[in-house]
Amino acid sequence: MYFFSPTVYVAFAFYFLISGYFFSMDFLGNQVVDVRPLFGNFMVIYLFIIPLLTMRLVSEELRQGTDELLLTSPASLGEIIFGKYLAAIIVQFLLVAGALVYPLILSSFGKLDLPVMWLSFLSLFLLGAAMMAVGLFASTLSNHQMVCGVAAFAMLLILWMLEWLSGSLLPSGGEWLQLFSIGSRTVNLQMGLLNGSDIIFYLSFILVFIVLSIQTLERKRWK
């Protein structure tokens, strides 16, 4: 159903328009054959398009009243939420796969560091997958799509700013807060370092928000 809605096409157009602009500006300005400067821009764009892509996942069911049919179907709540999340992940994978056009262009001007490139794209996919899980949870909170979209954006912005908050507002003892920043966990991967703790963090993060989504729907079932 994603591709029967104009929302996904608007999100994809916005993503590639803005990322293409930043790519051209970075390459023309630096003349360096390196994909890593692109990923900071990609991640900022995600803050805006992922709430757009996830705000209808469950809220549309609640708005149209089809949630009653869904919740009384033979499928369990876990299967329903996982199915919704799987759809979001497929769209997220298409975003990441589409961004491979940029290193393809760069490769015609010089040799790329392939391990760094693939690990950087892995970091982008894991970050997007984690943000999709937050957006899915936000979509279970209301039957109004815009409310869900704004809630997802607010939660993602807070999670994004934890690294800055830990250094600015809590200069002493704020290191523990930085551990929960979803953006800072991409640094090692984008340096070409495959750190198991970063992978586990993203997988655990996704699991937590999937469980929260299931619990939210469970409460709605009994209301």
Protein backbone atom coordinates (compact mmCIF):
# COMPACT_ATOMS: atom_id res chain seq x y z
CA MET A 1 0.00 0.00 0.00
CA TYR A 2 3.00 2.32 0.35
CA PHE A 3 3.22 2.67 -3.42
CA PHE A 4 -0.49 3.35 -3.85
CA SER A 5 -0.07 6.56 -1.86
CA PRO A 6 1.57 9.78 -3.10
CA THR A 7 3.32 10.15 0.27
CA VAL A 8 6.12 7.74 -0.54
CA TYR A 9 6.77 9.40 -3.90
CA VAL A 10 6.93 12.83 -2.27
CA ALA A 11 9.33 11.47 0.37
CA PHE A 12 11.56 9.81 -2.24
CA ALA A 13 11.57 12.95 -4.42
CA PHE A 14 12.49 15.13 -1.43
CA TYR A 15 15.20 12.68 -0.35
CA PHE A 16 16.94 12.48 -3.71
CA LEU A 17 16.48 16.16 -4.54
CA ILE A 18 18.10 17.36 -1.31
CA SER A 19 20.75 14.61 -1.13
CA GLY A 20 21.63 15.19 -4.80
CA TYR A 21 22.05 18.90 -4.13
CA PHE A 22 24.35 18.28 -1.16
CA PHE A 23 26.29 15.68 -3.14
CA SER A 24 26.96 18.11 -5.97
CA MET A 25 27.95 20.87 -3.56
CA ASP A 26 30.29 18.62 -1.52
CA PHE A 27 31.99 17.14 -4.55
CA LEU A 28 32.38 20.42 -6.43
CA GLY A 29 33.64 22.14 -3.29
CA ASN A 30 36.07 19.49 -2.04
CA GLN A 31 36.97 17.44 -5.14
CA VAL A 32 37.59 14.45 -2.84
CA VAL A 33 36.56 10.91 -3.79
CA ASP A 34 35.06 10.02 -0.41
CA VAL A 35 31.47 9.06 0.36
CA ARG A 36 31.60 9.79 4.08
CA PRO A 37 30.76 13.52 3.90
CA LEU A 38 27.43 12.53 2.38
CA PHE A 39 26.15 10.58 5.35
CA GLY A 40 25.73 13.51 7.71
CA ASN A 41 23.39 15.04 5.14
CA PHE A 42 21.52 11.78 4.62
CA MET A 43 20.90 11.41 8.34
CA VAL A 44 19.52 14.93 8.69
CA ILE A 45 17.13 14.32 5.77
CA TYR A 46 15.95 11.16 7.55
CA LEU A 47 14.66 13.31 10.41
CA PHE A 48 12.08 14.75 8.06
CA ILE A 49 11.17 11.94 5.68
CA ILE A 50 10.91 9.01 8.12
CA PRO A 51 8.04 10.58 10.11
CA LEU A 52 6.39 11.17 6.74
CA LEU A 53 6.84 7.53 5.74
CA THR A 54 5.72 6.00 9.03
CA MET A 55 2.89 8.25 10.21
CA ARG A 56 0.21 6.19 8.38
CA LEU A 57 1.43 2.71 9.31
CA VAL A 58 -1.06 2.15 12.14
CA SER A 59 -2.89 5.49 12.42
CA GLU A 60 -4.57 4.90 9.05
CA GLU A 61 -6.03 1.65 10.40
CA LEU A 62 -7.28 3.48 13.49
CA ARG A 63 -8.78 6.32 11.43
CA GLN A 64 -10.63 4.07 9.00
CA GLY A 65 -11.81 1.64 11.69
CA THR A 66 -10.06 -1.31 10.04
CA ASP A 67 -8.06 -1.85 13.22
CA GLU A 68 -10.99 -3.81 14.70
CA LEU A 69 -10.87 -6.25 11.79
CA LEU A 70 -7.10 -6.42 12.05
CA LEU A 71 -7.03 -6.97 15.79
CA THR A 72 -9.64 -9.73 15.63
CA SER A 73 -7.88 -11.54 12.77
CA PRO A 74 -5.98 -14.80 13.37
CA ALA A 75 -2.71 -12.87 13.20
CA SER A 76 -1.15 -12.01 16.54
CA LEU A 77 -0.27 -8.45 17.52
CA GLY A 78 3.39 -9.30 17.14
CA GLU A 79 2.82 -10.52 13.58
CA ILE A 80 0.79 -7.41 12.72
CA ILE A 81 3.43 -5.02 14.04
CA PHE A 82 6.27 -7.00 12.50
CA GLY A 83 4.48 -6.95 9.13
CA LYS A 84 4.07 -3.18 9.34
CA TYR A 85 7.70 -2.79 10.32
CA LEU A 86 8.88 -5.09 7.53
CA ALA A 87 7.06 -2.89 5.00
CA ALA A 88 8.84 0.18 6.43
CA ILE A 89 12.21 -1.59 6.31
CA ILE A 90 11.74 -2.47 2.64
CA VAL A 91 11.11 1.19 1.85
CA GLN A 92 14.13 2.13 3.95
CA PHE A 93 16.26 -0.38 2.03
CA LEU A 94 15.15 1.23 -1.25
CA LEU A 95 16.29 4.62 0.06
CA VAL A 96 19.71 3.23 0.95
CA ALA A 97 20.00 1.29 -2.32
CA GLY A 98 19.08 4.38 -4.31
CA ALA A 99 21.84 6.35 -2.60
CA LEU A 100 24.41 3.94 -4.09
CA VAL A 101 24.25 6.08 -7.23
CA TYR A 102 26.49 8.63 -5.50
CA PRO A 103 29.51 6.35 -4.90
CA LEU A 104 28.95 4.99 -8.41
CA ILE A 105 29.42 8.52 -9.75
CA LEU A 106 32.44 9.10 -7.50
CA SER A 107 34.08 5.86 -8.63
CA SER A 108 34.47 7.30 -12.11
CA PHE A 109 36.78 10.00 -10.67
CA GLY A 110 38.96 7.80 -8.47
CA LYS A 111 39.22 4.71 -6.29
CA LEU A 112 36.86 4.38 -3.34
CA ASP A 113 37.68 2.75 -0.03
CA LEU A 114 35.15 -0.06 -0.40
CA PRO A 115 35.15 -1.40 3.21
CA VAL A 116 34.52 2.13 4.52
CA MET A 117 31.84 2.71 1.90
CA TRP A 118 29.89 -0.48 2.67
CA LEU A 119 30.15 -0.01 6.43
CA SER A 120 28.97 3.58 6.03
CA PHE A 121 25.93 2.38 4.09
CA LEU A 122 25.35 -0.25 6.79
CA SER A 123 25.35 2.53 9.38
CA LEU A 124 22.81 4.45 7.30
CA PHE A 125 20.56 1.41 7.02
CA LEU A 126 20.75 0.62 10.76
CA LEU A 127 20.07 4.24 11.67
CA GLY A 128 17.10 4.35 9.31
CA ALA A 129 15.80 1.04 10.66
CA ALA A 130 15.97 2.39 14.22
CA MET A 131 14.19 5.60 13.19
CA MET A 132 11.51 3.58 11.39
CA ALA A 133 10.85 1.69 14.65
CA VAL A 134 10.34 5.01 16.45
CA GLY A 135 8.00 6.17 13.68
CA LEU A 136 6.03 2.93 13.89
CA PHE A 137 5.57 3.40 17.63
CA ALA A 138 4.45 7.01 17.11
CA SER A 139 1.86 5.84 14.56
CA THR A 140 0.16 3.70 17.22
CA LEU A 141 -0.45 6.70 19.50
CA SER A 142 -3.24 8.42 17.58
CA ASN A 143 -5.60 8.06 14.65
CA HIS A 144 -4.49 11.45 13.31
CA GLN A 145 -1.63 11.10 10.87
CA MET A 146 -0.20 14.57 11.43
CA VAL A 147 -0.17 14.07 15.19
CA CYS A 148 1.75 10.82 14.69
CA GLY A 149 4.15 12.50 12.27
CA VAL A 150 4.87 15.37 14.67
CA ALA A 151 5.29 12.92 17.58
CA ALA A 152 7.75 10.84 15.56
CA PHE A 153 9.73 13.93 14.55
CA ALA A 154 9.87 15.17 18.17
CA MET A 155 11.06 11.81 19.50
CA LEU A 156 13.67 11.44 16.77
CA LEU A 157 14.92 14.99 17.30
CA ILE A 158 15.35 14.37 21.03
CA LEU A 159 17.18 11.09 20.41
CA TRP A 160 19.34 12.86 17.83
CA MET A 161 20.22 15.72 20.18
CA LEU A 162 21.21 13.55 23.12
CA GLU A 163 24.87 13.76 22.12
CA TRP A 164 24.72 17.57 22.07
CA LEU A 165 22.72 17.71 25.30
CA SER A 166 25.23 15.48 27.07
CA GLY A 167 28.06 17.84 26.17
CA SER A 168 26.31 21.21 26.54
CA LEU A 169 23.79 20.88 29.34
CA LEU A 170 25.48 18.11 31.30
CA PRO A 171 29.23 18.63 30.81
CA SER A 172 30.01 16.55 33.89
CA GLY A 173 28.42 13.15 34.14
CA GLY A 174 26.60 13.42 30.82
CA GLU A 175 28.56 10.63 29.14
CA TRP A 176 25.86 8.09 29.98
CA LEU A 177 23.32 10.18 28.04
CA GLN A 178 25.48 10.11 24.92
CA LEU A 179 25.29 6.31 24.89
CA PHE A 180 21.62 6.57 23.84
CA SER A 181 22.22 8.95 20.94
CA ILE A 182 21.16 7.22 17.73
CA GLY A 183 23.43 9.37 15.57
CA SER A 184 26.68 8.93 17.48
CA ARG A 185 26.56 5.15 17.01
CA THR A 186 27.25 5.55 13.30
CA VAL A 187 30.69 7.12 13.82
CA ASN A 188 32.69 3.89 14.16
CA LEU A 189 31.05 2.29 11.14
CA GLN A 190 31.71 5.36 9.00
CA MET A 191 35.37 5.17 10.03
CA GLY A 192 35.49 1.59 8.76
CA LEU A 193 35.36 0.01 12.24
CA LEU A 194 32.84 -2.80 12.69
CA ASN A 195 31.96 -2.60 16.38
CA GLY A 196 29.60 -5.28 17.70
CA SER A 197 28.28 -3.00 20.45
CA ASP A 198 26.97 -0.53 17.85
CA ILE A 199 25.12 -3.29 15.98
CA ILE A 200 23.65 -4.64 19.23
CA PHE A 201 22.57 -1.13 20.22
CA TYR A 202 20.55 -0.63 17.04
CA LEU A 203 19.01 -4.11 17.18
CA SER A 204 18.05 -3.61 20.84
CA PHE A 205 16.70 -0.14 20.08
CA ILE A 206 14.50 -1.55 17.31
CA LEU A 207 13.26 -4.36 19.54
CA VAL A 208 12.32 -1.94 22.34
CA PHE A 209 10.17 0.23 20.08
CA ILE A 210 8.55 -2.77 18.41
CA VAL A 211 7.58 -4.08 21.86
CA LEU A 212 6.26 -0.64 22.82
CA SER A 213 4.17 -0.61 19.63
CA ILE A 214 2.72 -4.01 20.48
CA GLN A 215 1.91 -2.91 24.02
CA THR A 216 0.20 0.25 22.77
CA LEU A 217 -2.01 -1.77 20.41
CA GLU A 218 -2.70 -4.26 23.18
CA ARG A 219 -4.10 -1.49 25.35
CA LYS A 220 -6.27 -0.23 22.49
CA ARG A 221 -7.63 -3.74 22.00
CA TRP A 222 -8.96 -3.85 25.56
CA LYS A 223 -10.47 -0.35 25.52
